[in-house]
């Protein structure tokens, strides 16, 4: 665990995907936060730790690093550039990115174009968070198509679902405060429990 925390701290200053649903990238960058770190365990096995770090370094660029936590996984790095900012209920956010920047994984370096669109959750009691849909196409080391959803159930509970092009993943999220999330996820048919911190709010 100490080793993973040290890696998280080191990677915060380093260059995998930018802002994610669970594993897939989205067309939007982190906002209003500028830093997000997730640390979790797969099947509560400490040898299967998984972590992700995202750092928005400007209005248009986000750097990140990740380790999936599964056997044979390796640390991956990448960069994402936002081409068009998302305007909820009007226009989608559009980003391009590179995964496995240093070509270390089995799939190799990959490239993608991702779009994200938000729809306000209206009703008798409108929620503070929007329903989000994410679509993407990949090239080379990325699957040719991926899709994901972020569904607010209340202002503190969210459901996440995605098809990575290879697997279907899902998560239930409890967010007691905007800076903290507790996640119970099914990733590649395995259970993962994780803690996610979001910092640097503008």
Protein backbone atom coordinates (compact mmCIF):
# COMPACT_ATOMS: atom_id res chain seq x y z
CA UNK A 1 0.00 0.00 0.00
CA UNK A 2 2.84 2.42 0.85
CA UNK A 3 4.44 1.65 -2.50
CA UNK A 4 1.19 2.55 -4.32
CA UNK A 5 0.81 5.81 -2.40
CA UNK A 6 4.38 6.74 -3.27
CA UNK A 7 3.68 5.96 -6.93
CA UNK A 8 0.57 8.12 -6.85
CA UNK A 9 2.54 11.02 -5.47
CA UNK A 10 5.27 10.58 -8.05
CA UNK A 11 2.85 10.26 -10.94
CA UNK A 12 1.06 13.41 -9.95
CA UNK A 13 4.07 15.15 -11.43
CA UNK A 14 4.35 12.75 -14.41
CA UNK A 15 2.45 12.15 -17.62
CA UNK A 16 -3.07 6.55 -19.48
CA UNK A 17 -6.37 8.08 -20.04
CA UNK A 18 -7.66 11.49 -19.07
CA UNK A 19 -10.94 11.92 -17.19
CA UNK A 20 -12.73 8.53 -17.25
CA UNK A 21 -16.06 6.88 -16.68
CA UNK A 22 -14.48 3.78 -15.12
CA UNK A 23 -11.77 2.81 -17.58
CA UNK A 24 -12.75 4.52 -20.86
CA UNK A 25 -11.71 8.11 -21.59
CA UNK A 26 -14.27 10.86 -22.00
CA UNK A 27 -14.48 13.91 -24.23
CA UNK A 28 -14.19 16.27 -21.26
CA UNK A 29 -11.36 17.22 -18.99
CA UNK A 30 -11.53 17.36 -15.21
CA UNK A 31 -13.53 20.36 -14.06
CA UNK A 32 -13.84 22.21 -11.74
CA UNK A 33 -11.14 20.08 -10.10
CA UNK A 34 -7.66 19.93 -11.55
CA UNK A 35 -6.45 16.69 -9.88
CA UNK A 36 -8.08 13.29 -9.35
CA UNK A 37 -6.58 10.17 -7.79
CA UNK A 38 -8.23 6.76 -7.34
CA UNK A 39 -6.74 3.91 -5.33
CA UNK A 40 -8.46 0.53 -5.07
CA UNK A 41 -8.13 -3.20 -4.55
CA UNK A 42 -9.28 -6.00 -6.82
CA UNK A 43 -10.85 -8.86 -4.82
CA UNK A 44 -9.26 -7.23 -1.71
CA UNK A 45 -5.94 -8.74 -2.83
CA UNK A 46 -3.15 -6.27 -2.12
CA UNK A 47 -1.08 -7.71 -4.95
CA UNK A 48 -3.89 -6.57 -7.27
CA UNK A 49 -3.95 -2.90 -6.41
CA UNK A 50 -5.29 -0.58 -9.09
CA UNK A 51 -4.81 3.15 -9.27
CA UNK A 52 -5.41 6.08 -11.58
CA UNK A 53 -4.18 9.66 -11.51
CA UNK A 54 -5.52 12.54 -13.64
CA UNK A 55 -4.01 16.01 -13.66
CA UNK A 56 -5.45 18.89 -15.72
CA UNK A 57 -2.44 21.08 -16.36
CA UNK A 58 -4.25 23.75 -18.41
CA UNK A 59 -7.67 24.51 -19.88
CA UNK A 60 -6.97 22.13 -22.79
CA UNK A 61 -4.49 19.46 -21.63
CA UNK A 62 -4.80 16.64 -19.12
CA UNK A 63 -2.08 14.16 -18.17
CA UNK A 64 -2.69 10.87 -16.43
CA UNK A 65 -1.29 7.53 -15.34
CA UNK A 66 -2.92 4.24 -14.40
CA UNK A 67 -2.41 0.63 -13.39
CA UNK A 68 -5.34 -1.74 -13.92
CA UNK A 69 -4.63 -4.03 -10.97
CA UNK A 70 -4.92 -7.26 -12.93
CA UNK A 71 -2.25 -9.90 -13.44
CA UNK A 72 0.25 -8.84 -16.07
CA UNK A 73 -0.78 -5.18 -15.91
CA UNK A 74 1.79 -2.42 -16.07
CA UNK A 75 1.89 1.29 -15.37
CA UNK A 76 0.60 3.24 -18.36
CA UNK A 77 0.83 6.92 -19.18
CA UNK A 78 -0.94 9.16 -21.66
CA UNK A 79 -2.13 12.60 -22.59
CA UNK A 80 -5.46 14.09 -23.73
CA UNK A 81 -6.14 17.37 -25.50
CA UNK A 82 -9.56 19.01 -25.44
CA UNK A 83 -10.55 20.31 -28.89
CA UNK A 84 -13.93 21.73 -27.89
CA UNK A 85 -15.30 22.27 -24.37
CA UNK A 86 -18.58 20.65 -23.41
CA UNK A 87 -21.59 22.97 -23.10
CA UNK A 88 -24.22 20.93 -21.20
CA UNK A 89 -27.48 20.40 -23.08
CA UNK A 90 -26.07 22.18 -26.16
CA UNK A 91 -22.84 20.81 -27.61
CA UNK A 92 -20.62 17.82 -26.73
CA UNK A 93 -17.08 18.08 -25.48
CA UNK A 94 -14.55 16.70 -27.95
CA UNK A 95 -11.08 15.43 -27.08
CA UNK A 96 -8.29 13.44 -28.68
CA UNK A 97 -5.72 11.45 -26.79
CA UNK A 98 -2.92 8.91 -26.66
CA UNK A 99 -2.87 5.92 -24.30
CA UNK A 100 0.16 3.85 -23.35
CA UNK A 101 2.34 6.72 -24.42
CA UNK A 102 5.56 4.73 -23.94
CA UNK A 103 4.24 1.57 -25.71
CA UNK A 104 4.63 -0.78 -22.72
CA UNK A 105 1.39 -2.81 -22.76
CA UNK A 106 0.27 -5.88 -24.67
CA UNK A 107 -2.10 -3.77 -26.79
CA UNK A 108 0.53 -1.13 -27.49
CA UNK A 109 0.15 2.61 -27.96
CA UNK A 110 -3.38 3.66 -28.87
CA UNK A 111 -5.14 6.78 -30.11
CA UNK A 112 -8.73 7.91 -29.67
CA UNK A 113 -11.35 10.55 -30.32
CA UNK A 114 -13.94 10.91 -27.52
CA UNK A 115 -17.19 12.90 -27.25
CA UNK A 116 -19.15 13.69 -24.08
CA UNK A 117 -22.66 15.11 -23.89
CA UNK A 118 -24.55 16.17 -20.76
CA UNK A 119 -28.31 16.32 -20.26
CA UNK A 120 -29.77 18.07 -17.17
CA UNK A 121 -31.65 15.72 -14.84
CA UNK A 122 -34.98 17.49 -14.58
CA UNK A 123 -38.16 16.48 -12.78
CA UNK A 124 -40.05 17.41 -9.64
CA UNK A 125 -36.74 17.67 -7.80
CA UNK A 126 -33.93 18.49 -10.28
CA UNK A 127 -30.52 17.09 -9.32
CA UNK A 128 -27.30 19.06 -9.09
CA UNK A 129 -25.60 16.66 -11.54
CA UNK A 130 -26.26 15.93 -15.21
CA UNK A 131 -26.75 12.63 -16.99
CA UNK A 132 -23.64 12.14 -19.14
CA UNK A 133 -23.12 10.03 -22.27
CA UNK A 134 -19.63 9.33 -23.62
CA UNK A 135 -18.78 7.90 -27.05
CA UNK A 136 -15.42 7.22 -28.62
CA UNK A 137 -13.55 5.64 -31.48
CA UNK A 138 -10.08 4.20 -31.14
CA UNK A 139 -7.16 3.32 -33.36
CA UNK A 140 -4.26 0.88 -33.09
CA UNK A 141 -4.00 -0.08 -29.38
CA UNK A 142 -7.51 1.17 -28.57
CA UNK A 143 -10.79 -0.70 -29.32
CA UNK A 144 -12.57 0.69 -32.42
CA UNK A 145 -15.61 1.82 -30.39
CA UNK A 146 -16.43 2.48 -26.72
CA UNK A 147 -19.39 3.97 -24.86
CA UNK A 148 -20.16 4.94 -21.27
CA UNK A 149 -22.84 6.49 -19.06
CA UNK A 150 -22.82 8.45 -15.80
CA UNK A 151 -26.27 8.37 -14.20
CA UNK A 152 -27.01 10.45 -11.09
CA UNK A 153 -29.46 8.61 -8.84
CA UNK A 154 -29.46 11.30 -6.14
CA UNK A 155 -27.05 14.14 -5.37
CA UNK A 156 -24.85 11.63 -3.53
CA UNK A 157 -25.27 8.32 -5.42
CA UNK A 158 -24.33 7.58 -9.03
CA UNK A 159 -24.41 4.57 -11.35
CA UNK A 160 -21.66 4.20 -13.95
CA UNK A 161 -21.70 1.81 -16.91
CA UNK A 162 -19.45 1.37 -19.91
CA UNK A 163 -18.52 -0.93 -22.76
CA UNK A 164 -14.79 -0.63 -23.32
CA UNK A 165 -14.89 -2.41 -26.66
CA UNK A 166 -13.66 -5.52 -24.86
CA UNK A 167 -15.57 -5.66 -21.54
CA UNK A 168 -18.69 -4.32 -19.85
CA UNK A 169 -17.91 -2.55 -16.56
CA UNK A 170 -20.24 -1.02 -13.97
CA UNK A 171 -19.95 0.86 -10.69
CA UNK A 172 -22.04 2.26 -7.86
CA UNK A 173 -20.64 5.48 -6.44
CA UNK A 174 -21.30 7.21 -3.12
CA UNK A 175 -20.14 10.84 -3.01
CA UNK A 176 -20.64 12.26 0.51
CA UNK A 177 -18.83 15.48 -0.47
CA UNK A 178 -17.72 16.72 -3.94
CA UNK A 179 -14.07 15.97 -3.18
CA UNK A 180 -14.54 12.31 -2.15
CA UNK A 181 -16.08 9.19 -3.70
CA UNK A 182 -16.33 5.58 -2.55
CA UNK A 183 -16.75 3.18 -5.47
CA UNK A 184 -17.87 -0.45 -5.73
CA UNK A 185 -17.06 -1.60 -9.26
CA UNK A 186 -17.24 -4.66 -11.47
CA UNK A 187 -14.26 -4.38 -13.83
CA UNK A 188 -13.44 -7.20 -16.25
CA UNK A 189 -15.87 -9.40 -14.25
CA UNK A 190 -13.97 -8.77 -11.00
CA UNK A 191 -14.96 -6.75 -7.97
CA UNK A 192 -12.97 -3.64 -7.12
CA UNK A 193 -13.36 -1.33 -4.11
CA UNK A 194 -11.79 2.08 -4.39
CA UNK A 195 -11.46 5.55 -2.90
CA UNK A 196 -11.34 8.55 -5.23
CA UNK A 197 -10.16 12.05 -4.29
CA UNK A 198 -10.78 15.17 -6.39
CA UNK A 199 -8.73 18.23 -5.49
CA UNK A 200 -7.78 21.67 -6.72
CA UNK A 201 -11.27 23.03 -7.32
CA UNK A 202 -11.30 26.37 -9.11
